[in-house]
Protein backbone atom coordinates (compact mmCIF):
# COMPACT_ATOMS: atom_id res chain seq x y z
CA MET A 1 -23.55 -6.27 13.22
CA LYS A 2 -22.19 -7.73 16.41
CA TYR A 3 -18.52 -8.16 15.47
CA ASN A 4 -15.71 -5.97 14.19
CA PHE A 5 -14.93 -6.22 10.50
CA ARG A 6 -12.77 -4.64 7.85
CA VAL A 7 -13.65 -3.58 4.33
CA TYR A 8 -11.26 -3.53 1.40
CA GLN A 9 -11.28 -3.59 -2.37
CA THR A 10 -9.71 -6.47 -4.26
CA GLU A 11 -9.55 -7.95 -7.75
CA ALA A 12 -10.05 -11.47 -9.10
CA ASN A 13 -10.03 -12.50 -12.76
CA GLY A 14 -9.85 -8.85 -13.81
CA VAL A 15 -12.94 -7.86 -11.80
CA ARG A 16 -12.63 -5.35 -8.93
CA PHE A 17 -15.03 -5.71 -6.00
CA TRP A 18 -15.39 -4.90 -2.32
CA VAL A 19 -14.98 -7.39 0.52
CA ALA A 20 -16.21 -7.03 4.10
CA GLU A 21 -14.48 -9.55 6.36
CA SER A 22 -15.33 -10.37 9.96
CA SER A 23 -12.42 -9.97 12.38
CA GLU A 24 -13.75 -12.58 14.83
CA LEU A 25 -15.89 -15.00 12.83
CA GLU A 26 -13.61 -17.22 10.77
CA HIS A 27 -14.38 -17.28 7.04
CA CYS A 28 -17.36 -14.95 7.46
CA VAL A 29 -17.29 -12.44 4.60
CA GLY A 30 -19.51 -10.43 2.31
CA GLN A 31 -18.77 -8.95 -1.09
CA GLY A 32 -20.34 -6.51 -3.48
CA ASN A 33 -19.82 -3.85 -6.14
CA THR A 34 -19.70 -1.20 -3.39
CA SER A 35 -18.44 -1.24 0.17
CA ALA A 36 -22.03 -0.81 1.36
CA GLU A 37 -23.15 -3.92 -0.56
CA ALA A 38 -20.25 -5.91 0.92
CA VAL A 39 -21.12 -4.81 4.47
CA LYS A 40 -24.82 -5.60 3.93
CA GLU A 41 -23.95 -9.11 2.73
CA LEU A 42 -21.55 -9.59 5.65
CA GLU A 43 -24.33 -8.61 8.04
CA GLN A 44 -26.56 -11.35 6.59
CA ASN A 45 -23.71 -13.87 6.57
CA GLU A 46 -22.86 -13.03 10.19
CA LEU A 47 -26.39 -14.03 11.25
CA THR A 48 -26.15 -17.28 9.27
CA TRP A 49 -22.69 -18.02 10.71
CA LEU A 50 -24.01 -17.57 14.26
CA GLU A 51 -27.08 -19.77 13.59
CA VAL A 52 -24.94 -22.60 12.17
CA ALA A 53 -22.39 -22.34 14.98
CA GLN A 54 -25.19 -22.55 17.54
CA GLN A 55 -26.76 -25.58 15.78
CA PHE A 56 -23.44 -27.46 15.84
CA GLY A 57 -22.46 -26.35 19.33
CA ASP A 58 -19.42 -24.40 18.09
CA GLU A 59 -17.91 -21.76 20.32
CA ILE A 60 -19.33 -18.33 19.57
CA PRO A 61 -17.00 -15.39 20.23
CA GLN A 62 -18.12 -12.63 22.55
CA GLU A 63 -19.64 -9.68 20.70
CA SER A 64 -17.02 -7.05 19.99
CA ILE A 65 -18.75 -4.17 18.25
CA LYS A 66 -19.60 -1.09 20.26
CA SER A 67 -23.19 0.00 20.55
CA SER A 68 -24.42 1.60 17.37
CA ALA A 69 -25.91 4.38 19.52
CA GLN A 70 -22.37 5.78 19.83
CA PHE A 71 -22.05 6.18 16.07
CA SER A 72 -24.83 7.71 13.99
CA GLY A 73 -23.15 6.98 10.66
CA LYS A 74 -22.99 10.69 9.87
CA PHE A 75 -20.33 13.34 10.33
CA THR A 76 -19.55 16.70 8.79
CA VAL A 77 -16.40 17.28 6.80
CA ARG A 78 -15.16 20.68 5.71
CA LEU A 79 -13.10 20.74 2.52
CA SER A 80 -11.93 23.18 -0.07
CA ARG A 81 -14.19 24.15 -2.96
CA THR A 82 -11.65 22.70 -5.36
CA LEU A 83 -11.65 19.31 -3.67
CA HIS A 84 -15.44 19.39 -3.44
CA ARG A 85 -15.64 20.06 -7.20
CA LYS A 86 -13.13 17.29 -8.01
CA LEU A 87 -15.00 14.79 -5.84
CA SER A 88 -18.32 15.74 -7.45
CA GLU A 89 -16.81 15.35 -10.93
CA ARG A 90 -15.37 11.94 -10.03
CA ALA A 91 -18.69 10.78 -8.60
CA GLU A 92 -20.44 11.86 -11.78
CA GLU A 93 -17.84 10.05 -13.93
CA GLU A 94 -18.37 6.86 -11.93
CA GLY A 95 -22.15 7.24 -11.90
CA VAL A 96 -22.46 7.27 -8.11
CA SER A 97 -23.51 9.82 -5.52
CA LEU A 98 -20.93 12.01 -3.82
CA ASN A 99 -21.82 10.29 -0.55
CA ALA A 100 -21.20 6.81 -2.04
CA LEU A 101 -17.89 7.92 -3.52
CA ALA A 102 -16.73 9.40 -0.21
CA THR A 103 -17.85 6.28 1.70
CA GLU A 104 -15.93 3.96 -0.62
CA ALA A 105 -12.84 6.19 -0.57
CA LEU A 106 -12.84 6.35 3.24
CA SER A 107 -13.46 2.60 3.55
CA GLY A 108 -10.59 1.87 1.20
CA TYR A 109 -8.31 4.19 3.16
CA VAL A 110 -9.21 2.94 6.64
CA ASN A 111 -9.56 -0.73 5.75
CA GLY A 112 -6.83 -1.15 3.17
CA PRO A 113 -5.13 -4.44 2.52
CA SER A 114 -4.30 -6.50 5.60
CA LYS A 115 -0.72 -7.01 6.74
CA VAL A 116 -0.86 -10.57 5.38
CA GLN A 117 -2.07 -9.35 1.98
CA ARG A 118 0.70 -6.73 1.86
CA GLU A 119 3.31 -9.37 2.81
CA GLU A 120 1.99 -11.77 0.15
CA ALA A 121 2.08 -9.01 -2.47
CA ASN A 122 5.63 -8.06 -1.47
CA GLU A 123 6.74 -11.70 -1.64
CA PHE A 124 5.17 -12.01 -5.10
CA LEU A 125 7.00 -8.85 -6.24
CA ARG A 126 10.31 -10.14 -4.83
CA ASN A 127 9.86 -13.42 -6.71
CA LEU A 128 8.93 -11.56 -9.87
CA SER A 129 11.99 -9.36 -9.47
CA ASP A 130 14.21 -12.46 -9.11
CA ILE A 131 12.69 -13.95 -12.27
CA PHE A 132 13.38 -10.77 -14.25
CA ARG A 133 16.89 -10.46 -12.82
CA ASN A 134 17.71 -14.07 -13.75
CA ALA A 135 16.22 -13.63 -17.22
CA SER A 136 18.16 -10.40 -17.71
CA MET A 137 21.39 -12.06 -16.61
CA ALA A 138 20.79 -14.98 -18.97
CA MET A 139 20.11 -12.62 -21.89
CA GLY A 140 23.20 -10.55 -21.08
CA THR A 141 25.42 -13.64 -20.86
CA ALA A 142 24.02 -14.90 -24.18
CA SER A 143 24.83 -11.52 -25.77
CA ILE A 144 28.42 -11.70 -24.53
CA ILE A 145 28.89 -15.24 -25.82
CA MET A 146 27.41 -14.32 -29.21
CA ALA A 147 29.51 -11.17 -29.43
CA ASN A 148 32.72 -13.06 -28.61
CA ALA A 149 31.99 -15.52 -31.40
CA LEU A 150 31.81 -12.74 -33.98
CA PRO A 151 35.07 -11.84 -35.75
CA SER A 152 34.47 -8.18 -36.63
CA PRO A 153 35.35 -5.57 -33.97
CA PRO A 154 32.19 -3.42 -34.47
CA LEU A 155 29.92 -6.37 -33.75
CA ARG A 156 32.07 -7.50 -30.84
CA SER A 157 31.32 -4.18 -29.12
CA ILE A 158 27.88 -5.62 -28.35
CA GLY A 159 29.62 -7.94 -25.89
CA LEU A 160 31.39 -4.99 -24.30
CA TYR A 161 28.08 -3.16 -24.04
CA ALA A 162 26.45 -6.16 -22.38
CA ARG A 163 29.34 -6.48 -19.95
CA THR A 164 29.23 -2.74 -19.22
CA TYR A 165 25.49 -2.80 -18.76
CA HIS A 166 25.66 -5.96 -16.63
CA PRO A 167 28.84 -5.65 -14.56
CA ASN A 168 28.23 -8.89 -12.64
CA TYR A 169 28.40 -11.15 -15.69
CA PRO A 170 31.41 -13.44 -15.96
CA ILE A 171 34.12 -12.44 -18.42
CA ILE A 172 34.11 -14.80 -21.40
CA ASN A 173 37.35 -15.92 -23.12
CA GLY A 174 39.51 -14.42 -20.40
CA GLY A 175 38.42 -10.90 -21.33
CA ASN A 176 39.89 -10.99 -24.85
CA ASN A 177 37.12 -9.04 -26.46
């Protein structure tokens, strides 16, 4: 690999998978069932991207990744026996090695969703919240109108409940409930 990249897990059509995305090469990505598979595919796609860019005379960014000699890909981690046991149990449950589980967990932590993805998710949640709020207000207003139309006092208390539960709803019939 010659360029920086990030790895994250995502979901599409109910299927979770890993994505490795180049930071410098536009639209150059790899994906796989594990973070390692995604990185391996990105490595192949990076070579193809560079070949095509060279063929068409496109500008090729300067290499950004540090020499791999600085990073062996191995490091020692000390952890409690309890955590070691829990990690081993989880790896067994998922049918992967402890090393693969730790690699995926660390990749997901370090390369979580991008700022843009977090902003898009937050915007989606705000819109969803507005939809539910509007639907709730409409249902509450309908309850008040229905309750005011009913003659018997016990049933009219539904309208009072709706108004109590939803204090921002307009008062129907001048508040003669």
